Amino acid sequence: MLPEPECANERLPSVIDLTLSELDFGSVAPGAANESNSMPALHPHDCLLHVLDKCEEFPGQGAELIEVGLKSWIPTSRYLAVQVLKQWTREMWTENLTKTLNASIKCESNQKLREHME
């Protein structure tokens, strides 16, 4: 769990780096699907969700994790990644993040989620 916001701003970059180094990106971000969070062995997904949740409080931090969230096979991860982006100004988005979002919109199979992404 991340520290409270007054300390988290200093520690979030370290948490993001640790998450990026520890997540199995192949299993977390293989592409969109309509799977639920009830699948076994969701530890990397749980980590991603917790860190993404905190990134919403710190605009501009965690772009790489948002990209992973957008590519996740779990709709909740994709939804949360978009929620984080909605807290950021467009100027905070990296070029890769914009490309990933556009690609995610094109391949999103969940109509409501696709609309949320647009």
C-alpha atoms as a PDB file:
ATOM      1  CA  MET A   1       0.000   0.000   0.000  1.00  0.00           C
ATOM      2  CA  LEU A   2       1.241   3.485  -0.824  1.00  0.00           C
ATOM      3  CA  PRO A   3       1.797   6.068   1.878  1.00  0.00           C
ATOM      4  CA  GLU A   4      -0.666   8.898   2.437  1.00  0.00           C
ATOM      5  CA  PRO A   5      -0.649  11.676  -0.213  1.00  0.00           C
ATOM      6  CA  GLU A   6       1.575  14.048   1.750  1.00  0.00           C
ATOM      7  CA  CYS A   7       4.455  11.500   1.588  1.00  0.00           C
ATOM      8  CA  ALA A   8       3.388   9.635  -1.521  1.00  0.00           C
ATOM      9  CA  ASN A   9       4.403  12.395  -3.901  1.00  0.00           C
ATOM     10  CA  GLU A  10       8.031  11.779  -2.919  1.00  0.00           C
ATOM     11  CA  ARG A  11       7.718   7.981  -2.976  1.00  0.00           C
ATOM     12  CA  LEU A  12       5.466   7.399  -5.979  1.00  0.00           C
ATOM     13  CA  PRO A  13       8.324   7.486  -8.516  1.00  0.00           C
ATOM     14  CA  SER A  14      10.051   4.687  -6.556  1.00  0.00           C
ATOM     15  CA  VAL A  15       6.819   2.686  -6.394  1.00  0.00           C
ATOM     16  CA  ILE A  16       6.305   3.163 -10.137  1.00  0.00           C
ATOM     17  CA  ASP A  17       9.878   2.039 -10.871  1.00  0.00           C
ATOM     18  CA  LEU A  18       9.490  -1.009  -8.631  1.00  0.00           C
ATOM     19  CA  THR A  19       6.170  -1.920 -10.241  1.00  0.00           C
ATOM     20  CA  LEU A  20       7.636  -1.559 -13.740  1.00  0.00           C
ATOM     21  CA  SER A  21      10.573  -3.771 -12.829  1.00  0.00           C
ATOM     22  CA  GLU A  22       8.452  -6.456 -11.141  1.00  0.00           C
ATOM     23  CA  LEU A  23       5.372  -6.757 -13.380  1.00  0.00           C
ATOM     24  CA  ASP A  24       5.272  -9.441 -16.039  1.00  0.00           C
ATOM     25  CA  PHE A  25       4.173  -7.182 -18.894  1.00  0.00           C
ATOM     26  CA  GLY A  26       3.439 -10.167 -21.131  1.00  0.00           C
ATOM     27  CA  SER A  27       0.767 -11.440 -18.758  1.00  0.00           C
ATOM     28  CA  VAL A  28      -0.583  -8.046 -17.744  1.00  0.00           C
ATOM     29  CA  ALA A  29      -0.850  -6.347 -21.131  1.00  0.00           C
ATOM     30  CA  PRO A  30      -1.571  -8.894 -23.859  1.00  0.00           C
ATOM     31  CA  GLY A  31      -4.529  -6.911 -25.234  1.00  0.00           C
ATOM     32  CA  ALA A  32      -8.177  -6.201 -24.622  1.00  0.00           C
ATOM     33  CA  ALA A  33     -10.603  -8.906 -23.564  1.00  0.00           C
ATOM     34  CA  ASN A  34     -13.700  -9.091 -21.408  1.00  0.00           C
ATOM     35  CA  GLU A  35     -12.259 -11.229 -18.616  1.00  0.00           C
ATOM     36  CA  SER A  36     -13.189 -10.530 -15.026  1.00  0.00           C
ATOM     37  CA  ASN A  37     -10.861 -10.019 -12.096  1.00  0.00           C
ATOM     38  CA  SER A  38     -11.775 -13.469 -10.757  1.00  0.00           C
ATOM     39  CA  MET A  39      -9.077 -15.273 -12.749  1.00  0.00           C
ATOM     40  CA  PRO A  40      -6.343 -17.050 -10.739  1.00  0.00           C
ATOM     41  CA  ALA A  41      -2.863 -15.600 -10.305  1.00  0.00           C
ATOM     42  CA  LEU A  42      -3.858 -11.954 -10.521  1.00  0.00           C
ATOM     43  CA  HIS A  43      -1.070 -10.637  -8.327  1.00  0.00           C
ATOM     44  CA  PRO A  44       0.523  -8.485 -11.088  1.00  0.00           C
ATOM     45  CA  HIS A  45      -2.910  -7.135 -11.972  1.00  0.00           C
ATOM     46  CA  ASP A  46      -3.657  -6.328  -8.354  1.00  0.00           C
ATOM     47  CA  CYS A  47      -0.367  -4.436  -8.090  1.00  0.00           C
ATOM     48  CA  LEU A  48      -1.142  -2.540 -11.281  1.00  0.00           C
ATOM     49  CA  LEU A  49      -4.610  -1.577 -10.041  1.00  0.00           C
ATOM     50  CA  HIS A  50      -3.304  -0.298  -6.709  1.00  0.00           C
ATOM     51  CA  VAL A  51      -0.563   1.805  -8.254  1.00  0.00           C
ATOM     52  CA  LEU A  52      -2.851   3.140 -11.000  1.00  0.00           C
ATOM     53  CA  ASP A  53      -5.346   4.118  -8.331  1.00  0.00           C
ATOM     54  CA  LYS A  54      -2.700   6.262  -6.644  1.00  0.00           C
ATOM     55  CA  CYS A  55      -1.470   7.717  -9.953  1.00  0.00           C
ATOM     56  CA  GLU A  56      -4.863   9.388 -10.248  1.00  0.00           C
ATOM     57  CA  GLU A  57      -3.860  11.557  -7.283  1.00  0.00           C
ATOM     58  CA  PHE A  58      -0.541  12.534  -8.871  1.00  0.00           C
ATOM     59  CA  PRO A  59      -1.090  13.785 -12.420  1.00  0.00           C
ATOM     60  CA  GLY A  60       1.829  13.282 -14.754  1.00  0.00           C
ATOM     61  CA  GLN A  61       3.330  10.293 -12.930  1.00  0.00           C
ATOM     62  CA  GLY A  62       3.116   6.702 -14.141  1.00  0.00           C
ATOM     63  CA  ALA A  63       2.599   7.047 -17.906  1.00  0.00           C
ATOM     64  CA  GLU A  64       4.203   3.653 -18.554  1.00  0.00           C
ATOM     65  CA  LEU A  65       1.846   1.983 -16.082  1.00  0.00           C
ATOM     66  CA  ILE A  66      -1.136   3.663 -17.700  1.00  0.00           C
ATOM     67  CA  GLU A  67       0.003   2.202 -21.035  1.00  0.00           C
ATOM     68  CA  VAL A  68       0.138  -1.239 -19.420  1.00  0.00           C
ATOM     69  CA  GLY A  69      -3.324  -0.685 -17.951  1.00  0.00           C
ATOM     70  CA  LEU A  70      -4.722   0.284 -21.350  1.00  0.00           C
ATOM     71  CA  LYS A  71      -3.319  -2.940 -22.826  1.00  0.00           C
ATOM     72  CA  SER A  72      -4.524  -5.165 -19.994  1.00  0.00           C
ATOM     73  CA  TRP A  73      -6.910  -8.061 -20.668  1.00  0.00           C
ATOM     74  CA  ILE A  74      -8.877  -7.031 -17.564  1.00  0.00           C
ATOM     75  CA  PRO A  75     -11.512  -4.363 -18.270  1.00  0.00           C
ATOM     76  CA  THR A  76     -11.117  -2.873 -14.780  1.00  0.00           C
ATOM     77  CA  SER A  77      -7.455  -2.126 -15.508  1.00  0.00           C
ATOM     78  CA  ARG A  78      -8.323  -0.458 -18.793  1.00  0.00           C
ATOM     79  CA  TYR A  79     -11.111   1.550 -17.161  1.00  0.00           C
ATOM     80  CA  LEU A  80      -8.874   2.714 -14.316  1.00  0.00           C
ATOM     81  CA  ALA A  81      -6.104   3.702 -16.755  1.00  0.00           C
ATOM     82  CA  VAL A  82      -8.600   5.926 -18.566  1.00  0.00           C
ATOM     83  CA  GLN A  83      -9.803   7.363 -15.249  1.00  0.00           C
ATOM     84  CA  VAL A  84      -6.226   8.371 -14.455  1.00  0.00           C
ATOM     85  CA  LEU A  85      -5.854  10.026 -17.860  1.00  0.00           C
ATOM     86  CA  LYS A  86      -8.991  12.043 -17.252  1.00  0.00           C
ATOM     87  CA  GLN A  87      -7.207  13.657 -14.285  1.00  0.00           C
ATOM     88  CA  TRP A  88      -4.280  14.710 -16.481  1.00  0.00           C
ATOM     89  CA  THR A  89      -4.124  17.552 -18.956  1.00  0.00           C
ATOM     90  CA  ARG A  90      -3.286  16.536 -22.535  1.00  0.00           C
ATOM     91  CA  GLU A  91       0.090  18.239 -22.154  1.00  0.00           C
ATOM     92  CA  MET A  92       1.031  15.586 -19.572  1.00  0.00           C
ATOM     93  CA  TRP A  93       0.432  12.733 -22.027  1.00  0.00           C
ATOM     94  CA  THR A  94       3.489  11.228 -23.680  1.00  0.00           C
ATOM     95  CA  GLU A  95       3.459  10.446 -27.389  1.00  0.00           C
ATOM     96  CA  ASN A  96       3.483   6.708 -26.608  1.00  0.00           C
ATOM     97  CA  LEU A  97       0.585   7.120 -24.211  1.00  0.00           C
ATOM     98  CA  THR A  98      -1.494   8.872 -26.866  1.00  0.00           C
ATOM     99  CA  LYS A  99      -0.676   6.152 -29.411  1.00  0.00           C
ATOM    100  CA  THR A 100      -1.551   3.421 -26.914  1.00  0.00           C
ATOM    101  CA  LEU A 101      -4.876   5.051 -26.080  1.00  0.00           C
ATOM    102  CA  ASN A 102      -5.768   5.432 -29.762  1.00  0.00           C
ATOM    103  CA  ALA A 103      -4.859   1.796 -30.454  1.00  0.00           C
ATOM    104  CA  SER A 104      -6.861   0.698 -27.404  1.00  0.00           C
ATOM    105  CA  ILE A 105      -9.937   2.563 -28.612  1.00  0.00           C
ATOM    106  CA  LYS A 106      -9.728   0.800 -31.972  1.00  0.00           C
ATOM    107  CA  CYS A 107      -9.495  -2.700 -30.511  1.00  0.00           C
ATOM    108  CA  GLU A 108     -11.690  -2.334 -27.409  1.00  0.00           C
ATOM    109  CA  SER A 109     -14.386  -5.013 -27.488  1.00  0.00           C
ATOM    110  CA  ASN A 110     -16.460  -3.563 -24.644  1.00  0.00           C
ATOM    111  CA  GLN A 111     -18.714  -0.851 -26.121  1.00  0.00           C
ATOM    112  CA  LYS A 112     -19.175   1.073 -22.854  1.00  0.00           C
ATOM    113  CA  LEU A 113     -15.467   1.024 -22.136  1.00  0.00           C
ATOM    114  CA  ARG A 114     -14.666   2.164 -25.688  1.00  0.00           C
ATOM    115  CA  GLU A 115     -17.060   5.095 -25.222  1.00  0.00           C
ATOM    116  CA  HIS A 116     -15.347   5.900 -21.898  1.00  0.00           C
ATOM    117  CA  MET A 117     -11.984   5.905 -23.704  1.00  0.00           C
ATOM    118  CA  GLU A 118     -13.193   8.322 -26.363  1.00  0.00           C
END
